[in-house]
Amino acid sequence: MVAQDQNEVVKRLTAVASVLLVPTFIVGVYGQNFRHMPEYHWRLGYAWSWSLIIITTVAQLIYFRRKRWL
């Protein structure tokens, strides 16, 4: 019984860590001072990065809720 409860906690922590990992990676890439990224020269580049973060986060939340990890 204790092992089963611990397994559920670990699954939930894994899902939360994964949901936080993708936006952190995207922010880390766009936080670099690269000169040749096309998004920096777009008028809607800022909106593009925010929409990418939101879409990937929502997709992960949907995925983990369907698997009943969250």
PDB file of N, CA and C in Angstrom:
ATOM      1  N   MET A   1       0.821  -1.185   0.000  1.00  0.00           N
ATOM      2  CA  MET A   1       0.000   0.000   0.000  1.00  0.00           C
ATOM      3  C   MET A   1       0.871   1.258   0.000  1.00  0.00           C
ATOM      4  N   VAL A   2       1.924   1.251   0.789  1.00  0.00           N
ATOM      5  CA  VAL A   2       2.817   2.408   0.853  1.00  0.00           C
ATOM      6  C   VAL A   2       3.531   2.596  -0.479  1.00  0.00           C
ATOM      7  N   ALA A   3       3.947   1.500  -1.101  1.00  0.00           N
ATOM      8  CA  ALA A   3       4.627   1.582  -2.389  1.00  0.00           C
ATOM      9  C   ALA A   3       3.693   2.133  -3.465  1.00  0.00           C
ATOM     10  N   GLN A   4       2.443   1.759  -3.426  1.00  0.00           N
ATOM     11  CA  GLN A   4       1.472   2.261  -4.401  1.00  0.00           C
ATOM     12  C   GLN A   4       1.257   3.768  -4.217  1.00  0.00           C
ATOM     13  N   ASP A   5       1.130   4.210  -2.979  1.00  0.00           N
ATOM     14  CA  ASP A   5       0.970   5.640  -2.712  1.00  0.00           C
ATOM     15  C   ASP A   5       2.203   6.425  -3.146  1.00  0.00           C
ATOM     16  N   GLN A   6       3.356   5.861  -2.879  1.00  0.00           N
ATOM     17  CA  GLN A   6       4.592   6.520  -3.269  1.00  0.00           C
ATOM     18  C   GLN A   6       4.698   6.597  -4.792  1.00  0.00           C
ATOM     19  N   ASN A   7       4.258   5.571  -5.477  1.00  0.00           N
ATOM     20  CA  ASN A   7       4.273   5.566  -6.933  1.00  0.00           C
ATOM     21  C   ASN A   7       3.381   6.673  -7.485  1.00  0.00           C
ATOM     22  N   GLU A   8       2.232   6.882  -6.893  1.00  0.00           N
ATOM     23  CA  GLU A   8       1.324   7.948  -7.333  1.00  0.00           C
ATOM     24  C   GLU A   8       1.953   9.322  -7.114  1.00  0.00           C
ATOM     25  N   VAL A   9       2.620   9.505  -6.002  1.00  0.00           N
ATOM     26  CA  VAL A   9       3.273  10.785  -5.716  1.00  0.00           C
ATOM     27  C   VAL A   9       4.392  11.045  -6.718  1.00  0.00           C
ATOM     28  N   VAL A  10       5.172  10.035  -7.022  1.00  0.00           N
ATOM     29  CA  VAL A  10       6.277  10.184  -7.968  1.00  0.00           C
ATOM     30  C   VAL A  10       5.744  10.498  -9.366  1.00  0.00           C
ATOM     31  N   LYS A  11       4.659   9.863  -9.769  1.00  0.00           N
ATOM     32  CA  LYS A  11       4.063  10.163 -11.076  1.00  0.00           C
ATOM     33  C   LYS A  11       3.601  11.615 -11.136  1.00  0.00           C
ATOM     34  N   ARG A  12       2.983  12.090 -10.084  1.00  0.00           N
ATOM     35  CA  ARG A  12       2.498  13.470 -10.054  1.00  0.00           C
ATOM     36  C   ARG A  12       3.670  14.457 -10.083  1.00  0.00           C
ATOM     37  N   LEU A  13       4.706  14.186  -9.330  1.00  0.00           N
ATOM     38  CA  LEU A  13       5.884  15.059  -9.338  1.00  0.00           C
ATOM     39  C   LEU A  13       6.572  15.068 -10.700  1.00  0.00           C
ATOM     40  N   THR A  14       6.613  13.925 -11.359  1.00  0.00           N
ATOM     41  CA  THR A  14       7.192  13.844 -12.692  1.00  0.00           C
ATOM     42  C   THR A  14       6.396  14.686 -13.676  1.00  0.00           C
ATOM     43  N   ALA A  15       5.092  14.624 -13.597  1.00  0.00           N
ATOM     44  CA  ALA A  15       4.248  15.411 -14.493  1.00  0.00           C
ATOM     45  C   ALA A  15       4.441  16.903 -14.254  1.00  0.00           C
ATOM     46  N   VAL A  16       4.493  17.315 -13.004  1.00  0.00           N
ATOM     47  CA  VAL A  16       4.684  18.732 -12.683  1.00  0.00           C
ATOM     48  C   VAL A  16       6.051  19.203 -13.173  1.00  0.00           C
ATOM     49  N   ALA A  17       7.083  18.404 -12.965  1.00  0.00           N
ATOM     50  CA  ALA A  17       8.423  18.776 -13.423  1.00  0.00           C
ATOM     51  C   ALA A  17       8.469  18.886 -14.942  1.00  0.00           C
ATOM     52  N   SER A  18       7.787  17.993 -15.621  1.00  0.00           N
ATOM     53  CA  SER A  18       7.758  18.033 -17.080  1.00  0.00           C
ATOM     54  C   SER A  18       7.021  19.260 -17.594  1.00  0.00           C
ATOM     55  N   VAL A  19       5.920  19.603 -16.940  1.00  0.00           N
ATOM     56  CA  VAL A  19       5.161  20.790 -17.351  1.00  0.00           C
ATOM     57  C   VAL A  19       5.995  22.052 -17.164  1.00  0.00           C
ATOM     58  N   LEU A  20       6.817  22.097 -16.138  1.00  0.00           N
ATOM     59  CA  LEU A  20       7.659  23.267 -15.901  1.00  0.00           C
ATOM     60  C   LEU A  20       8.929  23.273 -16.756  1.00  0.00           C
ATOM     61  N   LEU A  21       9.351  22.116 -17.228  1.00  0.00           N
ATOM     62  CA  LEU A  21      10.595  22.018 -17.981  1.00  0.00           C
ATOM     63  C   LEU A  21      10.506  22.661 -19.359  1.00  0.00           C
ATOM     64  N   VAL A  22       9.439  22.415 -20.090  1.00  0.00           N
ATOM     65  CA  VAL A  22       9.333  22.916 -21.466  1.00  0.00           C
ATOM     66  C   VAL A  22       9.304  24.448 -21.520  1.00  0.00           C
ATOM     67  N   PRO A  23       8.460  25.130 -20.725  1.00  0.00           N
ATOM     68  CA  PRO A  23       8.527  26.600 -20.771  1.00  0.00           C
ATOM     69  C   PRO A  23       9.882  27.153 -20.329  1.00  0.00           C
ATOM     70  N   THR A  24      10.514  26.502 -19.380  1.00  0.00           N
ATOM     71  CA  THR A  24      11.840  26.944 -18.938  1.00  0.00           C
ATOM     72  C   THR A  24      12.853  26.817 -20.062  1.00  0.00           C
ATOM     73  N   PHE A  25      12.766  25.748 -20.831  1.00  0.00           N
ATOM     74  CA  PHE A  25      13.668  25.562 -21.972  1.00  0.00           C
ATOM     75  C   PHE A  25      13.426  26.638 -23.025  1.00  0.00           C
ATOM     76  N   ILE A  26      12.169  26.911 -23.340  1.00  0.00           N
ATOM     77  CA  ILE A  26      11.854  27.917 -24.357  1.00  0.00           C
ATOM     78  C   ILE A  26      12.348  29.294 -23.919  1.00  0.00           C
ATOM     79  N   VAL A  27      12.116  29.649 -22.667  1.00  0.00           N
ATOM     80  CA  VAL A  27      12.592  30.932 -22.156  1.00  0.00           C
ATOM     81  C   VAL A  27      14.115  30.982 -22.174  1.00  0.00           C
ATOM     82  N   GLY A  28      14.762  29.867 -21.864  1.00  0.00           N
ATOM     83  CA  GLY A  28      16.216  29.830 -21.891  1.00  0.00           C
ATOM     84  C   GLY A  28      16.785  30.042 -23.279  1.00  0.00           C
ATOM     85  N   VAL A  29      16.141  29.472 -24.289  1.00  0.00           N
ATOM     86  CA  VAL A  29      16.609  29.648 -25.664  1.00  0.00           C
ATOM     87  C   VAL A  29      16.411  31.097 -26.106  1.00  0.00           C
ATOM     88  N   TYR A  30      15.240  31.651 -25.853  1.00  0.00           N
ATOM     89  CA  TYR A  30      14.985  33.028 -26.269  1.00  0.00           C
ATOM     90  C   TYR A  30      15.702  34.039 -25.380  1.00  0.00           C
ATOM     91  N   GLY A  31      16.196  33.631 -24.245  1.00  0.00           N
ATOM     92  CA  GLY A  31      16.934  34.530 -23.378  1.00  0.00           C
ATOM     93  C   GLY A  31      18.379  34.706 -23.794  1.00  0.00           C
ATOM     94  N   GLN A  32      18.846  33.862 -24.689  1.00  0.00           N
ATOM     95  CA  GLN A  32      20.206  33.995 -25.195  1.00  0.00           C
ATOM     96  C   GLN A  32      20.284  35.203 -26.117  1.00  0.00           C
ATOM     97  N   ASN A  33      21.442  35.740 -26.271  1.00  0.00           N
ATOM     98  CA  ASN A  33      21.624  36.911 -27.129  1.00  0.00           C
ATOM     99  C   ASN A  33      22.115  36.499 -28.510  1.00  0.00           C
ATOM    100  N   PHE A  34      21.332  35.668 -29.186  1.00  0.00           N
ATOM    101  CA  PHE A  34      21.667  35.279 -30.547  1.00  0.00           C
ATOM    102  C   PHE A  34      21.248  36.402 -31.497  1.00  0.00           C
ATOM    103  N   ARG A  35      22.007  36.604 -32.542  1.00  0.00           N
ATOM    104  CA  ARG A  35      21.678  37.656 -33.505  1.00  0.00           C
ATOM    105  C   ARG A  35      20.912  37.113 -34.712  1.00  0.00           C
ATOM    106  N   HIS A  36      21.012  35.846 -34.984  1.00  0.00           N
ATOM    107  CA  HIS A  36      20.471  35.306 -36.231  1.00  0.00           C
ATOM    108  C   HIS A  36      19.254  34.418 -36.020  1.00  0.00           C
ATOM    109  N   MET A  37      18.432  34.721 -35.049  1.00  0.00           N
ATOM    110  CA  MET A  37      17.176  33.994 -34.875  1.00  0.00           C
ATOM    111  C   MET A  37      16.089  34.785 -35.592  1.00  0.00           C
ATOM    112  N   PRO A  38      15.343  34.150 -36.490  1.00  0.00           N
ATOM    113  CA  PRO A  38      14.347  34.898 -37.259  1.00  0.00           C
ATOM    114  C   PRO A  38      13.267  35.548 -36.394  1.00  0.00           C
ATOM    115  N   GLU A  39      12.965  34.964 -35.246  1.00  0.00           N
ATOM    116  CA  GLU A  39      11.904  35.498 -34.404  1.00  0.00           C
ATOM    117  C   GLU A  39      12.243  36.887 -33.850  1.00  0.00           C
ATOM    118  N   TYR A  40      13.531  37.197 -33.750  1.00  0.00           N
ATOM    119  CA  TYR A  40      13.912  38.499 -33.216  1.00  0.00           C
ATOM    120  C   TYR A  40      13.578  39.636 -34.177  1.00  0.00           C
ATOM    121  N   HIS A  41      13.472  39.331 -35.439  1.00  0.00           N
ATOM    122  CA  HIS A  41      13.201  40.367 -36.426  1.00  0.00           C
ATOM    123  C   HIS A  41      11.735  40.414 -36.831  1.00  0.00           C
ATOM    124  N   TRP A  42      10.937  39.509 -36.329  1.00  0.00           N
ATOM    125  CA  TRP A  42       9.494  39.524 -36.611  1.00  0.00           C
ATOM    126  C   TRP A  42       8.825  40.579 -35.755  1.00  0.00           C
ATOM    127  N   ARG A  43       7.758  41.138 -36.307  1.00  0.00           N
ATOM    128  CA  ARG A  43       6.985  42.103 -35.532  1.00  0.00           C
ATOM    129  C   ARG A  43       6.231  41.396 -34.410  1.00  0.00           C
ATOM    130  N   LEU A  44       5.817  40.155 -34.650  1.00  0.00           N
ATOM    131  CA  LEU A  44       5.065  39.391 -33.658  1.00  0.00           C
ATOM    132  C   LEU A  44       5.911  38.305 -32.989  1.00  0.00           C
ATOM    133  N   GLY A  45       7.205  38.506 -32.932  1.00  0.00           N
ATOM    134  CA  GLY A  45       8.090  37.507 -32.340  1.00  0.00           C
ATOM    135  C   GLY A  45       7.816  37.269 -30.860  1.00  0.00           C
ATOM    136  N   TYR A  46       7.492  38.329 -30.140  1.00  0.00           N
ATOM    137  CA  TYR A  46       7.185  38.200 -28.714  1.00  0.00           C
ATOM    138  C   TYR A  46       5.902  37.403 -28.513  1.00  0.00           C
ATOM    139  N   ALA A  47       4.897  37.695 -29.330  1.00  0.00           N
ATOM    140  CA  ALA A  47       3.641  36.946 -29.263  1.00  0.00           C
ATOM    141  C   ALA A  47       3.860  35.493 -29.662  1.00  0.00           C
ATOM    142  N   TRP A  48       4.760  35.255 -30.615  1.00  0.00           N
ATOM    143  CA  TRP A  48       5.078  33.887 -31.038  1.00  0.00           C
ATOM    144  C   TRP A  48       5.651  33.089 -29.879  1.00  0.00           C
ATOM    145  N   SER A  49       6.589  33.663 -29.142  1.00  0.00           N
ATOM    146  CA  SER A  49       7.206  32.919 -28.043  1.00  0.00           C
ATOM    147  C   SER A  49       6.199  32.643 -26.931  1.00  0.00           C
ATOM    148  N   TRP A  50       5.345  33.618 -26.612  1.00  0.00           N
ATOM    149  CA  TRP A  50       4.327  33.389 -25.584  1.00  0.00           C
ATOM    150  C   TRP A  50       3.316  32.346 -26.026  1.00  0.00           C
ATOM    151  N   SER A  51       2.905  32.390 -27.289  1.00  0.00           N
ATOM    152  CA  SER A  51       1.939  31.391 -27.752  1.00  0.00           C
ATOM    153  C   SER A  51       2.560  30.002 -27.766  1.00  0.00           C
ATOM    154  N   LEU A  52       3.842  29.905 -28.098  1.00  0.00           N
ATOM    155  CA  LEU A  52       4.530  28.614 -28.059  1.00  0.00           C
ATOM    156  C   LEU A  52       4.560  28.058 -26.637  1.00  0.00           C
ATOM    157  N   ILE A  53       4.847  28.905 -25.672  1.00  0.00           N
ATOM    158  CA  ILE A  53       4.869  28.482 -24.268  1.00  0.00           C
ATOM    159  C   ILE A  53       3.479  28.031 -23.818  1.00  0.00           C
ATOM    160  N   ILE A  54       2.468  28.807 -24.142  1.00  0.00           N
ATOM    161  CA  ILE A  54       1.108  28.473 -23.716  1.00  0.00           C
ATOM    162  C   ILE A  54       0.610  27.204 -24.379  1.00  0.00           C
ATOM    163  N   ILE A  55       0.844  27.059 -25.671  1.00  0.00           N
ATOM    164  CA  ILE A  55       0.366  25.870 -26.390  1.00  0.00           C
ATOM    165  C   ILE A  55       1.036  24.603 -25.875  1.00  0.00           C
ATOM    166  N   THR A  56       2.343  24.641 -25.665  1.00  0.00           N
ATOM    167  CA  THR A  56       3.026  23.436 -25.189  1.00  0.00           C
ATOM    168  C   THR A  56       2.611  23.094 -23.760  1.00  0.00           C
ATOM    169  N   THR A  57       2.397  24.103 -22.931  1.00  0.00           N
ATOM    170  CA  THR A  57       1.973  23.841 -21.558  1.00  0.00           C
ATOM    171  C   THR A  57       0.571  23.242 -21.520  1.00  0.00           C
ATOM    172  N   VAL A  58      -0.345  23.807 -22.293  1.00  0.00           N
ATOM    173  CA  VAL A  58      -1.710  23.286 -22.331  1.00  0.00           C
ATOM    174  C   VAL A  58      -1.726  21.867 -22.900  1.00  0.00           C
ATOM    175  N   ALA A  59      -0.927  21.627 -23.933  1.00  0.00           N
ATOM    176  CA  ALA A  59      -0.865  20.284 -24.504  1.00  0.00           C
ATOM    177  C   ALA A  59      -0.359  19.261 -23.489  1.00  0.00           C
ATOM    178  N   GLN A  60       0.641  19.640 -22.718  1.00  0.00           N
ATOM    179  CA  GLN A  60       1.138  18.726 -21.687  1.00  0.00           C
ATOM    180  C   GLN A  60       0.101  18.507 -20.595  1.00  0.00           C
ATOM    181  N   LEU A  61      -0.583  19.549 -20.195  1.00  0.00           N
ATOM    182  CA  LEU A  61      -1.616  19.388 -19.166  1.00  0.00           C
ATOM    183  C   LEU A  61      -2.723  18.454 -19.640  1.00  0.00           C
ATOM    184  N   ILE A  62      -3.143  18.605 -20.882  1.00  0.00           N
ATOM    185  CA  ILE A  62      -4.168  17.716 -21.437  1.00  0.00           C
ATOM    186  C   ILE A  62      -3.664  16.276 -21.466  1.00  0.00           C
ATOM    187  N   TYR A  63      -2.434  16.103 -21.907  1.00  0.00           N
ATOM    188  CA  TYR A  63      -1.852  14.757 -21.992  1.00  0.00           C
ATOM    189  C   TYR A  63      -1.794  14.092 -20.616  1.00  0.00           C
ATOM    190  N   PHE A  64      -1.302  14.812 -19.620  1.00  0.00           N
ATOM    191  CA  PHE A  64      -1.165  14.212 -18.297  1.00  0.00           C
ATOM    192  C   PHE A  64      -2.508  14.013 -17.598  1.00  0.00           C
ATOM    193  N   ARG A  65      -3.464  14.851 -17.911  1.00  0.00           N
ATOM    194  CA  ARG A  65      -4.815  14.628 -17.324  1.00  0.00           C
ATOM    195  C   ARG A  65      -5.470  13.412 -17.934  1.00  0.00           C
ATOM    196  N   ARG A  66      -5.259  13.182 -19.221  1.00  0.00           N
ATOM    197  CA  ARG A  66      -5.821  11.985 -19.860  1.00  0.00           C
ATOM    198  C   ARG A  66      -5.192  10.706 -19.316  1.00  0.00           C
ATOM    199  N   LYS A  67      -3.911  10.796 -18.976  1.00  0.00           N
ATOM    200  CA  LYS A  67      -3.239   9.638 -18.380  1.00  0.00           C
ATOM    201  C   LYS A  67      -3.535   9.513 -16.877  1.00  0.00           C
ATOM    202  N   ARG A  68      -4.266  10.499 -16.339  1.00  0.00           N
ATOM    203  CA  ARG A  68      -4.636  10.571 -14.920  1.00  0.00           C
ATOM    204  C   ARG A  68      -3.412  10.696 -14.015  1.00  0.00           C
ATOM    205  N   TRP A  69      -2.424  11.446 -14.486  1.00  0.00           N
ATOM    206  CA  TRP A  69      -1.253  11.731 -13.661  1.00  0.00           C
ATOM    207  C   TRP A  69      -1.437  13.031 -12.910  1.00  0.00           C
ATOM    208  N   LEU A  70      -2.352  13.853 -13.353  1.00  0.00           N
ATOM    209  CA  LEU A  70      -2.640  15.118 -12.667  1.00  0.00           C
ATOM    210  C   LEU A  70      -4.090  15.143 -12.245  1.00  0.00           C
TER     211      LEU A  70
END
